[in-house]
Amino acid sequence: MPVLSIFFGIIVRMWHDDHPPPHIHVEYQGFEALVDIQTGSVSKGKLPRKVAAIVGDWCHDHRQELLDNWDRAQRFEPLEQIQGADRD
């Protein structure tokens, strides 16, 4: 699964040809969750509250880039890296 971004130990991935609605897969220190791109909220799984807030804000700031990657993923095209919340 392609990695879109890594920041503060949070790994953000996206599957090619994944099921709707548009979402990302987030991993952090043994926690795993699906996060809805439109809302930035955890739709399945669990993340620590602070991590969920950071990811939610990051989704808001990068929503269009995430949705563009979602469209690429549906067409099995290469995905683009997205700058992390730590600006690396």
PDB file of N, CA and C in Angstrom:
ATOM      1  N   MET A   1       0.858  -1.167   0.000  1.00  0.00           N
ATOM      2  CA  MET A   1       0.000   0.000   0.000  1.00  0.00           C
ATOM      3  C   MET A   1       0.907   1.233   0.000  1.00  0.00           C
ATOM      4  N   PRO A   2       0.746   2.127  -0.977  1.00  0.00           N
ATOM      5  CA  PRO A   2       1.606   3.311  -1.070  1.00  0.00           C
ATOM      6  C   PRO A   2       1.483   4.235   0.142  1.00  0.00           C
ATOM      7  N   VAL A   3       2.633   4.728   0.586  1.00  0.00           N
ATOM      8  CA  VAL A   3       2.680   5.695   1.682  1.00  0.00           C
ATOM      9  C   VAL A   3       2.569   7.089   1.084  1.00  0.00           C
ATOM     10  N   LEU A   4       1.584   7.845   1.554  1.00  0.00           N
ATOM     11  CA  LEU A   4       1.392   9.214   1.085  1.00  0.00           C
ATOM     12  C   LEU A   4       2.191  10.218   1.901  1.00  0.00           C
ATOM     13  N   SER A   5       2.309   9.928   3.219  1.00  0.00           N
ATOM     14  CA  SER A   5       2.976  10.875   4.097  1.00  0.00           C
ATOM     15  C   SER A   5       3.329  10.195   5.419  1.00  0.00           C
ATOM     16  N   ILE A   6       4.395  10.686   6.030  1.00  0.00           N
ATOM     17  CA  ILE A   6       4.771  10.258   7.383  1.00  0.00           C
ATOM     18  C   ILE A   6       5.109  11.518   8.167  1.00  0.00           C
ATOM     19  N   PHE A   7       4.470  11.694   9.322  1.00  0.00           N
ATOM     20  CA  PHE A   7       4.748  12.847  10.168  1.00  0.00           C
ATOM     21  C   PHE A   7       4.427  12.498  11.616  1.00  0.00           C
ATOM     22  N   PHE A   8       5.281  12.952  12.529  1.00  0.00           N
ATOM     23  CA  PHE A   8       5.122  12.692  13.959  1.00  0.00           C
ATOM     24  C   PHE A   8       4.933  11.203  14.259  1.00  0.00           C
ATOM     25  N   GLY A   9       5.530  10.335  13.455  1.00  0.00           N
ATOM     26  CA  GLY A   9       5.377   8.895  13.646  1.00  0.00           C
ATOM     27  C   GLY A   9       4.069   8.338  13.104  1.00  0.00           C
ATOM     28  N   ILE A  10       3.275   9.174  12.454  1.00  0.00           N
ATOM     29  CA  ILE A  10       1.994   8.778  11.864  1.00  0.00           C
ATOM     30  C   ILE A  10       2.245   8.406  10.405  1.00  0.00           C
ATOM     31  N   ILE A  11       1.787   7.232  10.009  1.00  0.00           N
ATOM     32  CA  ILE A  11       1.957   6.778   8.630  1.00  0.00           C
ATOM     33  C   ILE A  11       0.599   6.823   7.945  1.00  0.00           C
ATOM     34  N   VAL A  12       0.556   7.513   6.805  1.00  0.00           N
ATOM     35  CA  VAL A  12      -0.685   7.664   6.042  1.00  0.00           C
ATOM     36  C   VAL A  12      -0.517   6.924   4.721  1.00  0.00           C
ATOM     37  N   ARG A  13      -1.443   6.002   4.447  1.00  0.00           N
ATOM     38  CA  ARG A  13      -1.390   5.193   3.232  1.00  0.00           C
ATOM     39  C   ARG A  13      -2.731   5.243   2.505  1.00  0.00           C
ATOM     40  N   MET A  14      -2.678   4.793   1.236  1.00  0.00           N
ATOM     41  CA  MET A  14      -3.907   4.685   0.449  1.00  0.00           C
ATOM     42  C   MET A  14      -3.778   3.466  -0.458  1.00  0.00           C
ATOM     43  N   TRP A  15      -4.825   2.659  -0.511  1.00  0.00           N
ATOM     44  CA  TRP A  15      -4.874   1.505  -1.397  1.00  0.00           C
ATOM     45  C   TRP A  15      -5.319   1.920  -2.790  1.00  0.00           C
ATOM     46  N   HIS A  16      -4.820   1.222  -3.795  1.00  0.00           N
ATOM     47  CA  HIS A  16      -5.354   1.388  -5.146  1.00  0.00           C
ATOM     48  C   HIS A  16      -6.685   0.640  -5.229  1.00  0.00           C
ATOM     49  N   ASP A  17      -7.640   1.217  -5.935  1.00  0.00           N
ATOM     50  CA  ASP A  17      -8.951   0.608  -6.169  1.00  0.00           C
ATOM     51  C   ASP A  17      -9.639   0.192  -4.869  1.00  0.00           C
ATOM     52  N   ASP A  18      -9.563   1.044  -3.832  1.00  0.00           N
ATOM     53  CA  ASP A  18     -10.186   0.756  -2.537  1.00  0.00           C
ATOM     54  C   ASP A  18     -11.673   1.111  -2.585  1.00  0.00           C
ATOM     55  N   HIS A  19     -12.409   0.652  -1.592  1.00  0.00           N
ATOM     56  CA  HIS A  19     -13.858   0.871  -1.521  1.00  0.00           C
ATOM     57  C   HIS A  19     -14.176   2.303  -1.113  1.00  0.00           C
ATOM     58  N   PRO A  20     -15.318   2.845  -1.592  1.00  0.00           N
ATOM     59  CA  PRO A  20     -15.750   4.175  -1.154  1.00  0.00           C
ATOM     60  C   PRO A  20     -16.283   4.118   0.278  1.00  0.00           C
ATOM     61  N   PRO A  21     -16.446   5.242   0.931  1.00  0.00           N
ATOM     62  CA  PRO A  21     -16.118   6.593   0.504  1.00  0.00           C
ATOM     63  C   PRO A  21     -14.603   6.818   0.524  1.00  0.00           C
ATOM     64  N   PRO A  22     -14.121   7.905  -0.117  1.00  0.00           N
ATOM     65  CA  PRO A  22     -12.693   8.190  -0.126  1.00  0.00           C
ATOM     66  C   PRO A  22     -12.132   8.270   1.295  1.00  0.00           C
ATOM     67  N   HIS A  23     -11.068   7.516   1.536  1.00  0.00           N
ATOM     68  CA  HIS A  23     -10.484   7.462   2.872  1.00  0.00           C
ATOM     69  C   HIS A  23      -8.997   7.149   2.789  1.00  0.00           C
ATOM     70  N   ILE A  24      -8.325   7.331   3.921  1.00  0.00           N
ATOM     71  CA  ILE A  24      -6.920   6.971   4.059  1.00  0.00           C
ATOM     72  C   ILE A  24      -6.793   5.955   5.181  1.00  0.00           C
ATOM     73  N   HIS A  25      -5.705   5.219   5.153  1.00  0.00           N
ATOM     74  CA  HIS A  25      -5.371   4.266   6.206  1.00  0.00           C
ATOM     75  C   HIS A  25      -4.273   4.909   7.045  1.00  0.00           C
ATOM     76  N   VAL A  26      -4.477   4.984   8.342  1.00  0.00           N
ATOM     77  CA  VAL A  26      -3.536   5.651   9.240  1.00  0.00           C
ATOM     78  C   VAL A  26      -3.039   4.654  10.282  1.00  0.00           C
ATOM     79  N   GLU A  27      -1.717   4.658  10.496  1.00  0.00           N
ATOM     80  CA  GLU A  27      -1.108   3.808  11.522  1.00  0.00           C
ATOM     81  C   GLU A  27      -0.289   4.693  12.459  1.00  0.00           C
ATOM     82  N   TYR A  28      -0.367   4.371  13.745  1.00  0.00           N
ATOM     83  CA  TYR A  28       0.424   5.094  14.732  1.00  0.00           C
ATOM     84  C   TYR A  28       0.626   4.203  15.953  1.00  0.00           C
ATOM     85  N   GLN A  29       1.857   3.807  16.211  1.00  0.00           N
ATOM     86  CA  GLN A  29       2.232   3.040  17.398  1.00  0.00           C
ATOM     87  C   GLN A  29       1.261   1.915  17.728  1.00  0.00           C
ATOM     88  N   GLY A  30       0.959   1.082  16.762  1.00  0.00           N
ATOM     89  CA  GLY A  30       0.083  -0.057  16.980  1.00  0.00           C
ATOM     90  C   GLY A  30      -1.396   0.217  16.777  1.00  0.00           C
ATOM     91  N   PHE A  31      -1.766   1.472  16.653  1.00  0.00           N
ATOM     92  CA  PHE A  31      -3.154   1.838  16.351  1.00  0.00           C
ATOM     93  C   PHE A  31      -3.327   1.875  14.839  1.00  0.00           C
ATOM     94  N   GLU A  32      -4.506   1.497  14.373  1.00  0.00           N
ATOM     95  CA  GLU A  32      -4.830   1.562  12.955  1.00  0.00           C
ATOM     96  C   GLU A  32      -6.247   2.083  12.796  1.00  0.00           C
ATOM     97  N   ALA A  33      -6.446   2.916  11.772  1.00  0.00           N
ATOM     98  CA  ALA A  33      -7.775   3.476  11.544  1.00  0.00           C
ATOM     99  C   ALA A  33      -7.951   3.848  10.079  1.00  0.00           C
ATOM    100  N   LEU A  34      -9.207   3.865   9.663  1.00  0.00           N
ATOM    101  CA  LEU A  34      -9.591   4.457   8.390  1.00  0.00           C
ATOM    102  C   LEU A  34     -10.103   5.851   8.709  1.00  0.00           C
ATOM    103  N   VAL A  35      -9.663   6.829   7.929  1.00  0.00           N
ATOM    104  CA  VAL A  35     -10.074   8.209   8.154  1.00  0.00           C
ATOM    105  C   VAL A  35     -10.721   8.729   6.881  1.00  0.00           C
ATOM    106  N   ASP A  36     -11.929   9.243   7.011  1.00  0.00           N
ATOM    107  CA  ASP A  36     -12.685   9.794   5.897  1.00  0.00           C
ATOM    108  C   ASP A  36     -12.003  11.076   5.421  1.00  0.00           C
ATOM    109  N   ILE A  37     -11.707  11.160   4.128  1.00  0.00           N
ATOM    110  CA  ILE A  37     -11.017  12.329   3.593  1.00  0.00           C
ATOM    111  C   ILE A  37     -11.882  13.580   3.698  1.00  0.00           C
ATOM    112  N   GLN A  38     -13.161  13.477   3.440  1.00  0.00           N
ATOM    113  CA  GLN A  38     -14.042  14.655   3.461  1.00  0.00           C
ATOM    114  C   GLN A  38     -14.186  15.257   4.855  1.00  0.00           C
ATOM    115  N   THR A  39     -14.319  14.415   5.860  1.00  0.00           N
ATOM    116  CA  THR A  39     -14.580  14.909   7.217  1.00  0.00           C
ATOM    117  C   THR A  39     -13.339  14.932   8.096  1.00  0.00           C
ATOM    118  N   GLY A  40     -12.341  14.125   7.754  1.00  0.00           N
ATOM    119  CA  GLY A  40     -11.152  14.021   8.594  1.00  0.00           C
ATOM    120  C   GLY A  40     -11.385  13.222   9.859  1.00  0.00           C
ATOM    121  N   SER A  41     -12.517  12.538   9.945  1.00  0.00           N
ATOM    122  CA  SER A  41     -12.834  11.783  11.160  1.00  0.00           C
ATOM    123  C   SER A  41     -12.563  10.284  10.969  1.00  0.00           C
ATOM    124  N   VAL A  42     -12.271   9.624  12.072  1.00  0.00           N
ATOM    125  CA  VAL A  42     -12.040   8.182  12.061  1.00  0.00           C
ATOM    126  C   VAL A  42     -13.365   7.480  11.775  1.00  0.00           C
ATOM    127  N   SER A  43     -13.382   6.664  10.732  1.00  0.00           N
ATOM    128  CA  SER A  43     -14.610   5.945  10.386  1.00  0.00           C
ATOM    129  C   SER A  43     -14.555   4.489  10.828  1.00  0.00           C
ATOM    130  N   LYS A  44     -13.358   3.977  11.044  1.00  0.00           N
ATOM    131  CA  LYS A  44     -13.195   2.599  11.504  1.00  0.00           C
ATOM    132  C   LYS A  44     -11.846   2.490  12.188  1.00  0.00           C
ATOM    133  N   GLY A  45     -11.791   1.705  13.245  1.00  0.00           N
ATOM    134  CA  GLY A  45     -10.546   1.562  13.991  1.00  0.00           C
ATOM    135  C   GLY A  45     -10.450   2.605  15.083  1.00  0.00           C
ATOM    136  N   LYS A  46      -9.206   2.830  15.544  1.00  0.00           N
ATOM    137  CA  LYS A  46      -9.025   3.746  16.663  1.00  0.00           C
ATOM    138  C   LYS A  46      -7.648   4.399  16.587  1.00  0.00           C
ATOM    139  N   LEU A  47      -7.605   5.667  16.966  1.00  0.00           N
ATOM    140  CA  LEU A  47      -6.370   6.423  17.106  1.00  0.00           C
ATOM    141  C   LEU A  47      -6.432   7.184  18.425  1.00  0.00           C
ATOM    142  N   PRO A  48      -5.280   7.449  19.047  1.00  0.00           N
ATOM    143  CA  PRO A  48      -5.300   8.322  20.217  1.00  0.00           C
ATOM    144  C   PRO A  48      -5.931   9.674  19.840  1.00  0.00           C
ATOM    145  N   ARG A  49      -6.603  10.285  20.778  1.00  0.00           N
ATOM    146  CA  ARG A  49      -7.355  11.511  20.514  1.00  0.00           C
ATOM    147  C   ARG A  49      -6.495  12.594  19.860  1.00  0.00           C
ATOM    148  N   LYS A  50      -5.280  12.820  20.382  1.00  0.00           N
ATOM    149  CA  LYS A  50      -4.416  13.858  19.830  1.00  0.00           C
ATOM    150  C   LYS A  50      -4.004  13.528  18.400  1.00  0.00           C
ATOM    151  N   VAL A  51      -3.703  12.262  18.127  1.00  0.00           N
ATOM    152  CA  VAL A  51      -3.322  11.834  16.777  1.00  0.00           C
ATOM    153  C   VAL A  51      -4.499  12.010  15.827  1.00  0.00           C
ATOM    154  N   ALA A  52      -5.691  11.628  16.260  1.00  0.00           N
ATOM    155  CA  ALA A  52      -6.889  11.796  15.432  1.00  0.00           C
ATOM    156  C   ALA A  52      -7.095  13.274  15.088  1.00  0.00           C
ATOM    157  N   ALA A  53      -6.848  14.161  16.042  1.00  0.00           N
ATOM    158  CA  ALA A  53      -7.002  15.603  15.793  1.00  0.00           C
ATOM    159  C   ALA A  53      -5.964  16.098  14.789  1.00  0.00           C
ATOM    160  N   ILE A  54      -4.731  15.650  14.936  1.00  0.00           N
ATOM    161  CA  ILE A  54      -3.672  16.052  13.995  1.00  0.00           C
ATOM    162  C   ILE A  54      -4.009  15.572  12.586  1.00  0.00           C
ATOM    163  N   VAL A  55      -4.426  14.310  12.466  1.00  0.00           N
ATOM    164  CA  VAL A  55      -4.769  13.749  11.156  1.00  0.00           C
ATOM    165  C   VAL A  55      -5.994  14.463  10.575  1.00  0.00           C
ATOM    166  N   GLY A  56      -6.974  14.755  11.397  1.00  0.00           N
ATOM    167  CA  GLY A  56      -8.163  15.471  10.925  1.00  0.00           C
ATOM    168  C   GLY A  56      -7.810  16.842  10.367  1.00  0.00           C
ATOM    169  N   ASP A  57      -6.962  17.582  11.081  1.00  0.00           N
ATOM    170  CA  ASP A  57      -6.524  18.896  10.600  1.00  0.00           C
ATOM    171  C   ASP A  57      -5.717  18.761   9.315  1.00  0.00           C
ATOM    172  N   TRP A  58      -4.861  17.739   9.263  1.00  0.00           N
ATOM    173  CA  TRP A  58      -4.046  17.491   8.069  1.00  0.00           C
ATOM    174  C   TRP A  58      -4.939  17.173   6.870  1.00  0.00           C
ATOM    175  N   CYS A  59      -5.959  16.360   7.080  1.00  0.00           N
ATOM    176  CA  CYS A  59      -6.911  16.043   5.999  1.00  0.00           C
ATOM    177  C   CYS A  59      -7.587  17.318   5.497  1.00  0.00           C
ATOM    178  N   HIS A  60      -7.971  18.175   6.413  1.00  0.00           N
ATOM    179  CA  HIS A  60      -8.618  19.435   6.035  1.00  0.00           C
ATOM    180  C   HIS A  60      -7.668  20.278   5.178  1.00  0.00           C
ATOM    181  N   ASP A  61      -6.412  20.385   5.603  1.00  0.00           N
ATOM    182  CA  ASP A  61      -5.428  21.208   4.901  1.00  0.00           C
ATOM    183  C   ASP A  61      -5.051  20.636   3.536  1.00  0.00           C
ATOM    184  N   HIS A  62      -5.163  19.316   3.367  1.00  0.00           N
ATOM    185  CA  HIS A  62      -4.709  18.647   2.141  1.00  0.00           C
ATOM    186  C   HIS A  62      -5.843  17.890   1.442  1.00  0.00           C
ATOM    187  N   ARG A  63      -7.068  18.304   1.690  1.00  0.00           N
ATOM    188  CA  ARG A  63      -8.226  17.576   1.151  1.00  0.00           C
ATOM    189  C   ARG A  63      -8.153  17.389  -0.362  1.00  0.00           C
ATOM    190  N   GLN A  64      -7.857  18.456  -1.096  1.00  0.00           N
ATOM    191  CA  GLN A  64      -7.850  18.334  -2.557  1.00  0.00           C
ATOM    192  C   GLN A  64      -6.742  17.393  -3.026  1.00  0.00           C
ATOM    193  N   GLU A  65      -5.579  17.466  -2.417  1.00  0.00           N
ATOM    194  CA  GLU A  65      -4.484  16.556  -2.778  1.00  0.00           C
ATOM    195  C   GLU A  65      -4.870  15.105  -2.491  1.00  0.00           C
ATOM    196  N   LEU A  66      -5.533  14.889  -1.378  1.00  0.00           N
ATOM    197  CA  LEU A  66      -5.983  13.541  -1.029  1.00  0.00           C
ATOM    198  C   LEU A  66      -7.026  13.036  -2.014  1.00  0.00           C
ATOM    199  N   LEU A  67      -7.973  13.892  -2.358  1.00  0.00           N
ATOM    200  CA  LEU A  67      -9.007  13.481  -3.317  1.00  0.00           C
ATOM    201  C   LEU A  67      -8.410  13.232  -4.708  1.00  0.00           C
ATOM    202  N   ASP A  68      -7.424  14.049  -5.087  1.00  0.00           N
ATOM    203  CA  ASP A  68      -6.738  13.813  -6.365  1.00  0.00           C
ATOM    204  C   ASP A  68      -6.032  12.455  -6.341  1.00  0.00           C
ATOM    205  N   ASN A  69      -5.382  12.130  -5.228  1.00  0.00           N
ATOM    206  CA  ASN A  69      -4.741  10.821  -5.097  1.00  0.00           C
ATOM    207  C   ASN A  69      -5.779   9.706  -5.109  1.00  0.00           C
ATOM    208  N   TRP A  70      -6.930   9.925  -4.482  1.00  0.00           N
ATOM    209  CA  TRP A  70      -7.996   8.922  -4.488  1.00  0.00           C
ATOM    210  C   TRP A  70      -8.406   8.611  -5.935  1.00  0.00           C
ATOM    211  N   ASP A  71      -8.566   9.671  -6.730  1.00  0.00           N
ATOM    212  CA  ASP A  71      -8.930   9.472  -8.139  1.00  0.00           C
ATOM    213  C   ASP A  71      -7.839   8.705  -8.884  1.00  0.00           C
ATOM    214  N   ARG A  72      -6.574   9.044  -8.631  1.00  0.00           N
ATOM    215  CA  ARG A  72      -5.468   8.306  -9.256  1.00  0.00           C
ATOM    216  C   ARG A  72      -5.495   6.837  -8.833  1.00  0.00           C
ATOM    217  N   ALA A  73      -5.746   6.613  -7.557  1.00  0.00           N
ATOM    218  CA  ALA A  73      -5.759   5.237  -7.041  1.00  0.00           C
ATOM    219  C   ALA A  73      -6.860   4.413  -7.702  1.00  0.00           C
ATOM    220  N   GLN A  74      -7.997   5.028  -7.963  1.00  0.00           N
ATOM    221  CA  GLN A  74      -9.098   4.309  -8.612  1.00  0.00           C
ATOM    222  C   GLN A  74      -8.745   3.917 -10.044  1.00  0.00           C
ATOM    223  N   ARG A  75      -7.812   4.675 -10.642  1.00  0.00           N
ATOM    224  CA  ARG A  75      -7.371   4.379 -12.010  1.00  0.00           C
ATOM    225  C   ARG A  75      -6.057   3.585 -12.020  1.00  0.00           C
ATOM    226  N   PHE A  76      -5.593   3.142 -10.833  1.00  0.00           N
ATOM    227  CA  PHE A  76      -4.343   2.387 -10.689  1.00  0.00           C
ATOM    228  C   PHE A  76      -3.132   3.179 -11.170  1.00  0.00           C
ATOM    229  N   GLU A  77      -3.165   4.487 -10.991  1.00  0.00           N
ATOM    230  CA  GLU A  77      -2.044   5.349 -11.358  1.00  0.00           C
ATOM    231  C   GLU A  77      -1.163   5.588 -10.135  1.00  0.00           C
ATOM    232  N   PRO A  78       0.089   5.989 -10.354  1.00  0.00           N
ATOM    233  CA  PRO A  78       0.975   6.291  -9.220  1.00  0.00           C
ATOM    234  C   PRO A  78       0.403   7.429  -8.373  1.00  0.00           C
ATOM    235  N   LEU A  79       0.606   7.319  -7.063  1.00  0.00           N
ATOM    236  CA  LEU A  79       0.112   8.340  -6.134  1.00  0.00           C
ATOM    237  C   LEU A  79       1.233   9.319  -5.807  1.00  0.00           C
ATOM    238  N   GLU A  80       0.850  10.528  -5.450  1.00  0.00           N
ATOM    239  CA  GLU A  80       1.823  11.571  -5.130  1.00  0.00           C
ATOM    240  C   GLU A  80       1.979  11.715  -3.621  1.00  0.00           C
ATOM    241  N   GLN A  81       3.208  11.955  -3.183  1.00  0.00           N
ATOM    242  CA  GLN A  81       3.488  12.214  -1.777  1.00  0.00           C
ATOM    243  C   GLN A  81       2.837  13.541  -1.387  1.00  0.00           C
ATOM    244  N   ILE A  82       2.450  13.642  -0.118  1.00  0.00           N
ATOM    245  CA  ILE A  82       1.843  14.866   0.407  1.00  0.00           C
ATOM    246  C   ILE A  82       2.658  15.305   1.625  1.00  0.00           C
ATOM    247  N   GLN A  83       2.935  16.590   1.692  1.00  0.00           N
ATOM    248  CA  GLN A  83       3.724  17.127   2.802  1.00  0.00           C
ATOM    249  C   GLN A  83       3.050  16.808   4.134  1.00  0.00           C
ATOM    250  N   GLY A  84       3.857  16.425   5.109  1.00  0.00           N
ATOM    251  CA  GLY A  84       3.317  16.083   6.424  1.00  0.00           C
ATOM    252  C   GLY A  84       2.984  17.297   7.259  1.00  0.00           C
ATOM    253  N   ALA A  85       2.290  17.060   8.349  1.00  0.00           N
ATOM    254  CA  ALA A  85       1.916  18.143   9.270  1.00  0.00           C
ATOM    255  C   ALA A  85       3.126  18.764   9.930  1.00  0.00           C
ATOM    256  N   ASP A  86       4.262  18.044   9.919  1.00  0.00           N
ATOM    257  CA  ASP A  86       5.486  18.581  10.494  1.00  0.00           C
ATOM    258  C   ASP A  86       6.301  19.347   9.448  1.00  0.00           C
ATOM    259  N   ARG A  87       5.739  19.489   8.247  1.00  0.00           N
ATOM    260  CA  ARG A  87       6.320  20.245   7.126  1.00  0.00           C
ATOM    261  C   ARG A  87       7.588  19.632   6.563  1.00  0.00           C
ATOM    262  N   ASP A  88       7.804  18.337   6.799  1.00  0.00           N
ATOM    263  CA  ASP A  88       8.972  17.640   6.209  1.00  0.00           C
ATOM    264  C   ASP A  88       8.662  17.194   4.798  1.00  0.00           C
TER     265      ASP A  88
END
